[in-house]
Amino acid sequence: MKKQPSKPTKPPKPGKPRGLALLISDLHISQGAFARLINVDPSYISHVLAGRKVPSLRRANMMATVLRVDLGTVSSSLPRKQR
């Protein structure tokens, strides 16, 4: 069976929050590589992406620096913490 080419993704609408996972994938690096860049365990990134942990201001700043976005973009891209 032939594999159909994937459809190009639409760019996000201005002002619409982008998921942290999408921001990481825009850098073309793995979540593990991203974790190493901000000096955390890869499982920490998994917990943040799942909404089980909320990064401290210091770590959110590190994420913003590595992702080359402002802190507000990182904050709005985080999933809401699950209770």
PDB file of N, CA and C in Angstrom:
ATOM      1  N   MET A   1       0.832  -1.162   0.000  1.00  0.00           N
ATOM      2  CA  MET A   1       0.000   0.000   0.000  1.00  0.00           C
ATOM      3  C   MET A   1       0.887   1.239   0.000  1.00  0.00           C
ATOM      4  N   LYS A   2       0.535   2.204  -0.864  1.00  0.00           N
ATOM      5  CA  LYS A   2       1.336   3.416  -0.939  1.00  0.00           C
ATOM      6  C   LYS A   2       1.048   4.322   0.244  1.00  0.00           C
ATOM      7  N   LYS A   3       2.108   4.909   0.736  1.00  0.00           N
ATOM      8  CA  LYS A   3       1.958   5.853   1.828  1.00  0.00           C
ATOM      9  C   LYS A   3       1.629   7.218   1.238  1.00  0.00           C
ATOM     10  N   GLN A   4       0.548   7.809   1.719  1.00  0.00           N
ATOM     11  CA  GLN A   4       0.154   9.104   1.205  1.00  0.00           C
ATOM     12  C   GLN A   4       1.006  10.183   1.852  1.00  0.00           C
ATOM     13  N   PRO A   5       1.363  11.203   1.065  1.00  0.00           N
ATOM     14  CA  PRO A   5       2.169  12.270   1.664  1.00  0.00           C
ATOM     15  C   PRO A   5       1.372  12.993   2.745  1.00  0.00           C
ATOM     16  N   SER A   6       2.090  13.385   3.786  1.00  0.00           N
ATOM     17  CA  SER A   6       1.413  14.077   4.879  1.00  0.00           C
ATOM     18  C   SER A   6       1.039  15.487   4.434  1.00  0.00           C
ATOM     19  N   LYS A   7      -0.080  15.949   4.957  1.00  0.00           N
ATOM     20  CA  LYS A   7      -0.535  17.288   4.621  1.00  0.00           C
ATOM     21  C   LYS A   7       0.300  18.291   5.405  1.00  0.00           C
ATOM     22  N   PRO A   8       0.657  19.402   4.763  1.00  0.00           N
ATOM     23  CA  PRO A   8       1.410  20.408   5.516  1.00  0.00           C
ATOM     24  C   PRO A   8       0.531  20.987   6.619  1.00  0.00           C
ATOM     25  N   THR A   9       1.156  21.255   7.753  1.00  0.00           N
ATOM     26  CA  THR A   9       0.392  21.807   8.867  1.00  0.00           C
ATOM     27  C   THR A   9       0.196  23.299   8.649  1.00  0.00           C
ATOM     28  N   LYS A  10      -0.956  23.764   9.078  1.00  0.00           N
ATOM     29  CA  LYS A  10      -1.232  25.193   8.962  1.00  0.00           C
ATOM     30  C   LYS A  10      -0.493  25.929  10.061  1.00  0.00           C
ATOM     31  N   PRO A  11       0.028  27.117   9.753  1.00  0.00           N
ATOM     32  CA  PRO A  11       0.669  27.878  10.822  1.00  0.00           C
ATOM     33  C   PRO A  11      -0.384  28.290  11.841  1.00  0.00           C
ATOM     34  N   PRO A  12       0.003  28.404  13.105  1.00  0.00           N
ATOM     35  CA  PRO A  12      -0.977  28.771  14.122  1.00  0.00           C
ATOM     36  C   PRO A  12      -1.496  30.185  13.900  1.00  0.00           C
ATOM     37  N   LYS A  13      -2.718  30.416  14.324  1.00  0.00           N
ATOM     38  CA  LYS A  13      -3.289  31.752  14.217  1.00  0.00           C
ATOM     39  C   LYS A  13      -2.589  32.656  15.221  1.00  0.00           C
ATOM     40  N   PRO A  14      -2.380  33.915  14.864  1.00  0.00           N
ATOM     41  CA  PRO A  14      -1.740  34.830  15.809  1.00  0.00           C
ATOM     42  C   PRO A  14      -2.510  34.887  17.114  1.00  0.00           C
ATOM     43  N   GLY A  15      -1.784  34.864  18.215  1.00  0.00           N
ATOM     44  CA  GLY A  15      -2.402  34.941  19.524  1.00  0.00           C
ATOM     45  C   GLY A  15      -2.912  33.614  20.052  1.00  0.00           C
ATOM     46  N   LYS A  16      -2.932  32.579  19.218  1.00  0.00           N
ATOM     47  CA  LYS A  16      -3.411  31.270  19.672  1.00  0.00           C
ATOM     48  C   LYS A  16      -2.255  30.552  20.371  1.00  0.00           C
ATOM     49  N   PRO A  17      -2.490  30.039  21.586  1.00  0.00           N
ATOM     50  CA  PRO A  17      -1.406  29.347  22.287  1.00  0.00           C
ATOM     51  C   PRO A  17      -0.971  28.095  21.537  1.00  0.00           C
ATOM     52  N   ARG A  18       0.306  27.841  21.538  1.00  0.00           N
ATOM     53  CA  ARG A  18       0.857  26.643  20.906  1.00  0.00           C
ATOM     54  C   ARG A  18       1.316  25.719  22.014  1.00  0.00           C
ATOM     55  N   GLY A  19       1.121  24.455  21.810  1.00  0.00           N
ATOM     56  CA  GLY A  19       1.547  23.494  22.815  1.00  0.00           C
ATOM     57  C   GLY A  19       3.056  23.453  22.949  1.00  0.00           C
ATOM     58  N   LEU A  20       3.499  23.164  24.154  1.00  0.00           N
ATOM     59  CA  LEU A  20       4.928  23.076  24.418  1.00  0.00           C
ATOM     60  C   LEU A  20       5.579  22.009  23.546  1.00  0.00           C
ATOM     61  N   ALA A  21       4.897  20.890  23.351  1.00  0.00           N
ATOM     62  CA  ALA A  21       5.454  19.830  22.507  1.00  0.00           C
ATOM     63  C   ALA A  21       5.677  20.328  21.081  1.00  0.00           C
ATOM     64  N   LEU A  22       4.766  21.146  20.583  1.00  0.00           N
ATOM     65  CA  LEU A  22       4.915  21.697  19.235  1.00  0.00           C
ATOM     66  C   LEU A  22       6.089  22.659  19.175  1.00  0.00           C
ATOM     67  N   LEU A  23       6.252  23.466  20.214  1.00  0.00           N
ATOM     68  CA  LEU A  23       7.393  24.387  20.256  1.00  0.00           C
ATOM     69  C   LEU A  23       8.712  23.618  20.253  1.00  0.00           C
ATOM     70  N   ILE A  24       8.746  22.513  20.993  1.00  0.00           N
ATOM     71  CA  ILE A  24       9.961  21.684  21.028  1.00  0.00           C
ATOM     72  C   ILE A  24      10.205  21.063  19.659  1.00  0.00           C
ATOM     73  N   SER A  25       9.150  20.561  19.039  1.00  0.00           N
ATOM     74  CA  SER A  25       9.330  19.911  17.734  1.00  0.00           C
ATOM     75  C   SER A  25       9.734  20.917  16.661  1.00  0.00           C
ATOM     76  N   ASP A  26       9.347  22.190  16.825  1.00  0.00           N
ATOM     77  CA  ASP A  26       9.767  23.223  15.874  1.00  0.00           C
ATOM     78  C   ASP A  26      11.282  23.383  15.844  1.00  0.00           C
ATOM     79  N   LEU A  27      11.947  23.021  16.941  1.00  0.00           N
ATOM     80  CA  LEU A  27      13.412  23.085  16.988  1.00  0.00           C
ATOM     81  C   LEU A  27      14.057  21.856  16.358  1.00  0.00           C
ATOM     82  N   HIS A  28      13.218  20.871  16.003  1.00  0.00           N
ATOM     83  CA  HIS A  28      13.698  19.610  15.420  1.00  0.00           C
ATOM     84  C   HIS A  28      14.634  18.867  16.369  1.00  0.00           C
ATOM     85  N   ILE A  29      14.247  18.874  17.665  1.00  0.00           N
ATOM     86  CA  ILE A  29      14.993  18.104  18.651  1.00  0.00           C
ATOM     87  C   ILE A  29      14.002  17.241  19.429  1.00  0.00           C
ATOM     88  N   SER A  30      14.522  16.232  20.063  1.00  0.00           N
ATOM     89  CA  SER A  30      13.668  15.347  20.858  1.00  0.00           C
ATOM     90  C   SER A  30      13.377  15.991  22.219  1.00  0.00           C
ATOM     91  N   GLN A  31      12.391  15.438  22.902  1.00  0.00           N
ATOM     92  CA  GLN A  31      12.095  15.915  24.251  1.00  0.00           C
ATOM     93  C   GLN A  31      13.276  15.660  25.176  1.00  0.00           C
ATOM     94  N   GLY A  32      13.971  14.556  24.973  1.00  0.00           N
ATOM     95  CA  GLY A  32      15.157  14.251  25.773  1.00  0.00           C
ATOM     96  C   GLY A  32      16.262  15.265  25.555  1.00  0.00           C
ATOM     97  N   ALA A  33      16.478  15.646  24.300  1.00  0.00           N
ATOM     98  CA  ALA A  33      17.498  16.650  23.996  1.00  0.00           C
ATOM     99  C   ALA A  33      17.117  17.999  24.606  1.00  0.00           C
ATOM    100  N   PHE A  34      15.834  18.336  24.536  1.00  0.00           N
ATOM    101  CA  PHE A  34      15.351  19.575  25.150  1.00  0.00           C
ATOM    102  C   PHE A  34      15.597  19.544  26.658  1.00  0.00           C
ATOM    103  N   ALA A  35      15.316  18.410  27.267  1.00  0.00           N
ATOM    104  CA  ALA A  35      15.534  18.262  28.712  1.00  0.00           C
ATOM    105  C   ALA A  35      17.003  18.494  29.061  1.00  0.00           C
ATOM    106  N   ARG A  36      17.895  17.937  28.268  1.00  0.00           N
ATOM    107  CA  ARG A  36      19.332  18.127  28.533  1.00  0.00           C
ATOM    108  C   ARG A  36      19.728  19.596  28.390  1.00  0.00           C
ATOM    109  N   LEU A  37      19.120  20.292  27.425  1.00  0.00           N
ATOM    110  CA  LEU A  37      19.451  21.701  27.221  1.00  0.00           C
ATOM    111  C   LEU A  37      19.043  22.574  28.406  1.00  0.00           C
ATOM    112  N   ILE A  38      17.991  22.173  29.117  1.00  0.00           N
ATOM    113  CA  ILE A  38      17.572  22.969  30.274  1.00  0.00           C
ATOM    114  C   ILE A  38      17.958  22.293  31.597  1.00  0.00           C
ATOM    115  N   ASN A  39      18.807  21.270  31.516  1.00  0.00           N
ATOM    116  CA  ASN A  39      19.364  20.593  32.697  1.00  0.00           C
ATOM    117  C   ASN A  39      18.309  19.969  33.606  1.00  0.00           C
ATOM    118  N   VAL A  40      17.385  19.238  33.001  1.00  0.00           N
ATOM    119  CA  VAL A  40      16.395  18.494  33.790  1.00  0.00           C
ATOM    120  C   VAL A  40      16.344  17.060  33.271  1.00  0.00           C
ATOM    121  N   ASP A  41      15.761  16.186  34.051  1.00  0.00           N
ATOM    122  CA  ASP A  41      15.580  14.802  33.650  1.00  0.00           C
ATOM    123  C   ASP A  41      14.502  14.741  32.562  1.00  0.00           C
ATOM    124  N   PRO A  42      14.672  13.890  31.556  1.00  0.00           N
ATOM    125  CA  PRO A  42      13.649  13.781  30.505  1.00  0.00           C
ATOM    126  C   PRO A  42      12.256  13.459  31.046  1.00  0.00           C
ATOM    127  N   SER A  43      12.180  12.728  32.150  1.00  0.00           N
ATOM    128  CA  SER A  43      10.857  12.424  32.711  1.00  0.00           C
ATOM    129  C   SER A  43      10.163  13.691  33.203  1.00  0.00           C
ATOM    130  N   TYR A  44      10.938  14.697  33.606  1.00  0.00           N
ATOM    131  CA  TYR A  44      10.357  15.956  34.045  1.00  0.00           C
ATOM    132  C   TYR A  44       9.581  16.608  32.904  1.00  0.00           C
ATOM    133  N   ILE A  45      10.157  16.588  31.694  1.00  0.00           N
ATOM    134  CA  ILE A  45       9.485  17.162  30.523  1.00  0.00           C
ATOM    135  C   ILE A  45       8.199  16.400  30.245  1.00  0.00           C
ATOM    136  N   SER A  46       8.243  15.082  30.362  1.00  0.00           N
ATOM    137  CA  SER A  46       7.036  14.274  30.163  1.00  0.00           C
ATOM    138  C   SER A  46       5.950  14.669  31.156  1.00  0.00           C
ATOM    139  N   HIS A  47       6.341  14.890  32.403  1.00  0.00           N
ATOM    140  CA  HIS A  47       5.377  15.284  33.430  1.00  0.00           C
ATOM    141  C   HIS A  47       4.797  16.677  33.143  1.00  0.00           C
ATOM    142  N   VAL A  48       5.636  17.586  32.676  1.00  0.00           N
ATOM    143  CA  VAL A  48       5.161  18.931  32.337  1.00  0.00           C
ATOM    144  C   VAL A  48       4.188  18.853  31.161  1.00  0.00           C
ATOM    145  N   LEU A  49       4.538  18.084  30.138  1.00  0.00           N
ATOM    146  CA  LEU A  49       3.676  17.968  28.959  1.00  0.00           C
ATOM    147  C   LEU A  49       2.342  17.310  29.293  1.00  0.00           C
ATOM    148  N   ALA A  50       2.344  16.428  30.276  1.00  0.00           N
ATOM    149  CA  ALA A  50       1.109  15.745  30.685  1.00  0.00           C
ATOM    150  C   ALA A  50       0.293  16.584  31.667  1.00  0.00           C
ATOM    151  N   GLY A  51       0.849  17.706  32.116  1.00  0.00           N
ATOM    152  CA  GLY A  51       0.134  18.560  33.045  1.00  0.00           C
ATOM    153  C   GLY A  51       0.231  18.122  34.493  1.00  0.00           C
ATOM    154  N   ARG A  52       1.143  17.184  34.771  1.00  0.00           N
ATOM    155  CA  ARG A  52       1.303  16.717  36.157  1.00  0.00           C
ATOM    156  C   ARG A  52       2.242  17.599  36.967  1.00  0.00           C
ATOM    157  N   LYS A  53       3.090  18.358  36.289  1.00  0.00           N
ATOM    158  CA  LYS A  53       4.015  19.281  36.960  1.00  0.00           C
ATOM    159  C   LYS A  53       3.940  20.630  36.271  1.00  0.00           C
ATOM    160  N   VAL A  54       4.197  21.659  37.049  1.00  0.00           N
ATOM    161  CA  VAL A  54       4.262  23.021  36.520  1.00  0.00           C
ATOM    162  C   VAL A  54       5.691  23.503  36.756  1.00  0.00           C
ATOM    163  N   PRO A  55       6.374  23.961  35.703  1.00  0.00           N
ATOM    164  CA  PRO A  55       7.762  24.396  35.896  1.00  0.00           C
ATOM    165  C   PRO A  55       7.841  25.662  36.740  1.00  0.00           C
ATOM    166  N   SER A  56       8.925  25.759  37.485  1.00  0.00           N
ATOM    167  CA  SER A  56       9.180  26.978  38.265  1.00  0.00           C
ATOM    168  C   SER A  56       9.447  28.117  37.283  1.00  0.00           C
ATOM    169  N   LEU A  57       9.436  29.326  37.800  1.00  0.00           N
ATOM    170  CA  LEU A  57       9.718  30.491  36.965  1.00  0.00           C
ATOM    171  C   LEU A  57      11.111  30.380  36.351  1.00  0.00           C
ATOM    172  N   ARG A  58      12.061  29.909  37.133  1.00  0.00           N
ATOM    173  CA  ARG A  58      13.434  29.741  36.639  1.00  0.00           C
ATOM    174  C   ARG A  58      13.478  28.765  35.465  1.00  0.00           C
ATOM    175  N   ARG A  59      12.806  27.619  35.626  1.00  0.00           N
ATOM    176  CA  ARG A  59      12.818  26.626  34.540  1.00  0.00           C
ATOM    177  C   ARG A  59      12.021  27.105  33.338  1.00  0.00           C
ATOM    178  N   ALA A  60      10.926  27.805  33.578  1.00  0.00           N
ATOM    179  CA  ALA A  60      10.143  28.350  32.460  1.00  0.00           C
ATOM    180  C   ALA A  60      10.982  29.361  31.677  1.00  0.00           C
ATOM    181  N   ASN A  61      11.792  30.160  32.385  1.00  0.00           N
ATOM    182  CA  ASN A  61      12.694  31.098  31.710  1.00  0.00           C
ATOM    183  C   ASN A  61      13.733  30.357  30.875  1.00  0.00           C
ATOM    184  N   MET A  62      14.256  29.265  31.420  1.00  0.00           N
ATOM    185  CA  MET A  62      15.233  28.467  30.672  1.00  0.00           C
ATOM    186  C   MET A  62      14.586  27.888  29.415  1.00  0.00           C
ATOM    187  N   MET A  63      13.344  27.407  29.563  1.00  0.00           N
ATOM    188  CA  MET A  63      12.621  26.866  28.405  1.00  0.00           C
ATOM    189  C   MET A  63      12.444  27.946  27.339  1.00  0.00           C
ATOM    190  N   ALA A  64      12.037  29.140  27.769  1.00  0.00           N
ATOM    191  CA  ALA A  64      11.817  30.237  26.831  1.00  0.00           C
ATOM    192  C   ALA A  64      13.104  30.595  26.094  1.00  0.00           C
ATOM    193  N   THR A  65      14.210  30.611  26.816  1.00  0.00           N
ATOM    194  CA  THR A  65      15.496  30.938  26.195  1.00  0.00           C
ATOM    195  C   THR A  65      15.867  29.903  25.139  1.00  0.00           C
ATOM    196  N   VAL A  66      15.745  28.621  25.481  1.00  0.00           N
ATOM    197  CA  VAL A  66      16.103  27.554  24.540  1.00  0.00           C
ATOM    198  C   VAL A  66      15.154  27.547  23.344  1.00  0.00           C
ATOM    199  N   LEU A  67      13.864  27.785  23.601  1.00  0.00           N
ATOM    200  CA  LEU A  67      12.871  27.763  22.534  1.00  0.00           C
ATOM    201  C   LEU A  67      12.854  29.051  21.706  1.00  0.00           C
ATOM    202  N   ARG A  68      13.579  30.066  22.179  1.00  0.00           N
ATOM    203  CA  ARG A  68      13.658  31.369  21.505  1.00  0.00           C
ATOM    204  C   ARG A  68      12.276  32.029  21.400  1.00  0.00           C
ATOM    205  N   VAL A  69      11.547  31.977  22.513  1.00  0.00           N
ATOM    206  CA  VAL A  69      10.245  32.636  22.602  1.00  0.00           C
ATOM    207  C   VAL A  69      10.206  33.401  23.916  1.00  0.00           C
ATOM    208  N   ASP A  70       9.177  34.221  24.097  1.00  0.00           N
ATOM    209  CA  ASP A  70       9.089  34.946  25.368  1.00  0.00           C
ATOM    210  C   ASP A  70       8.438  34.069  26.430  1.00  0.00           C
ATOM    211  N   LEU A  71       8.574  34.496  27.657  1.00  0.00           N
ATOM    212  CA  LEU A  71       8.070  33.720  28.789  1.00  0.00           C
ATOM    213  C   LEU A  71       6.554  33.522  28.707  1.00  0.00           C
ATOM    214  N   GLY A  72       5.838  34.529  28.217  1.00  0.00           N
ATOM    215  CA  GLY A  72       4.389  34.418  28.077  1.00  0.00           C
ATOM    216  C   GLY A  72       3.982  33.306  27.132  1.00  0.00           C
ATOM    217  N   THR A  73       4.761  33.103  26.068  1.00  0.00           N
ATOM    218  CA  THR A  73       4.472  32.033  25.119  1.00  0.00           C
ATOM    219  C   THR A  73       4.635  30.671  25.784  1.00  0.00           C
ATOM    220  N   VAL A  74       5.690  30.517  26.577  1.00  0.00           N
ATOM    221  CA  VAL A  74       5.894  29.252  27.293  1.00  0.00           C
ATOM    222  C   VAL A  74       4.755  29.044  28.280  1.00  0.00           C
ATOM    223  N   SER A  75       4.423  30.078  29.028  1.00  0.00           N
ATOM    224  CA  SER A  75       3.366  29.964  30.018  1.00  0.00           C
ATOM    225  C   SER A  75       2.029  29.584  29.388  1.00  0.00           C
ATOM    226  N   SER A  76       1.687  30.204  28.273  1.00  0.00           N
ATOM    227  CA  SER A  76       0.402  29.914  27.637  1.00  0.00           C
ATOM    228  C   SER A  76       0.397  28.567  26.919  1.00  0.00           C
ATOM    229  N   SER A  77       1.578  28.008  26.658  1.00  0.00           N
ATOM    230  CA  SER A  77       1.643  26.724  25.957  1.00  0.00           C
ATOM    231  C   SER A  77       1.621  25.531  26.905  1.00  0.00           C
ATOM    232  N   LEU A  78       1.712  25.807  28.210  1.00  0.00           N
ATOM    233  CA  LEU A  78       1.711  24.710  29.184  1.00  0.00           C
ATOM    234  C   LEU A  78       0.296  24.183  29.393  1.00  0.00           C
ATOM    235  N   PRO A  79       0.151  22.871  29.493  1.00  0.00           N
ATOM    236  CA  PRO A  79      -1.177  22.338  29.817  1.00  0.00           C
ATOM    237  C   PRO A  79      -1.526  22.705  31.250  1.00  0.00           C
ATOM    238  N   ARG A  80      -2.793  22.784  31.525  1.00  0.00           N
ATOM    239  CA  ARG A  80      -3.228  23.086  32.879  1.00  0.00           C
ATOM    240  C   ARG A  80      -2.986  21.861  33.750  1.00  0.00           C
ATOM    241  N   LYS A  81      -2.498  22.086  34.962  1.00  0.00           N
ATOM    242  CA  LYS A  81      -2.148  20.989  35.861  1.00  0.00           C
ATOM    243  C   LYS A  81      -3.381  20.157  36.192  1.00  0.00           C
ATOM    244  N   GLN A  82      -3.258  18.851  36.043  1.00  0.00           N
ATOM    245  CA  GLN A  82      -4.334  17.916  36.369  1.00  0.00           C
ATOM    246  C   GLN A  82      -4.338  17.680  37.862  1.00  0.00           C
ATOM    247  N   ARG A  83      -5.498  17.592  38.464  1.00  0.00           N
ATOM    248  CA  ARG A  83      -5.584  17.329  39.907  1.00  0.00           C
ATOM    249  C   ARG A  83      -5.950  15.899  40.148  1.00  0.00           C
TER     250      ARG A  83
END
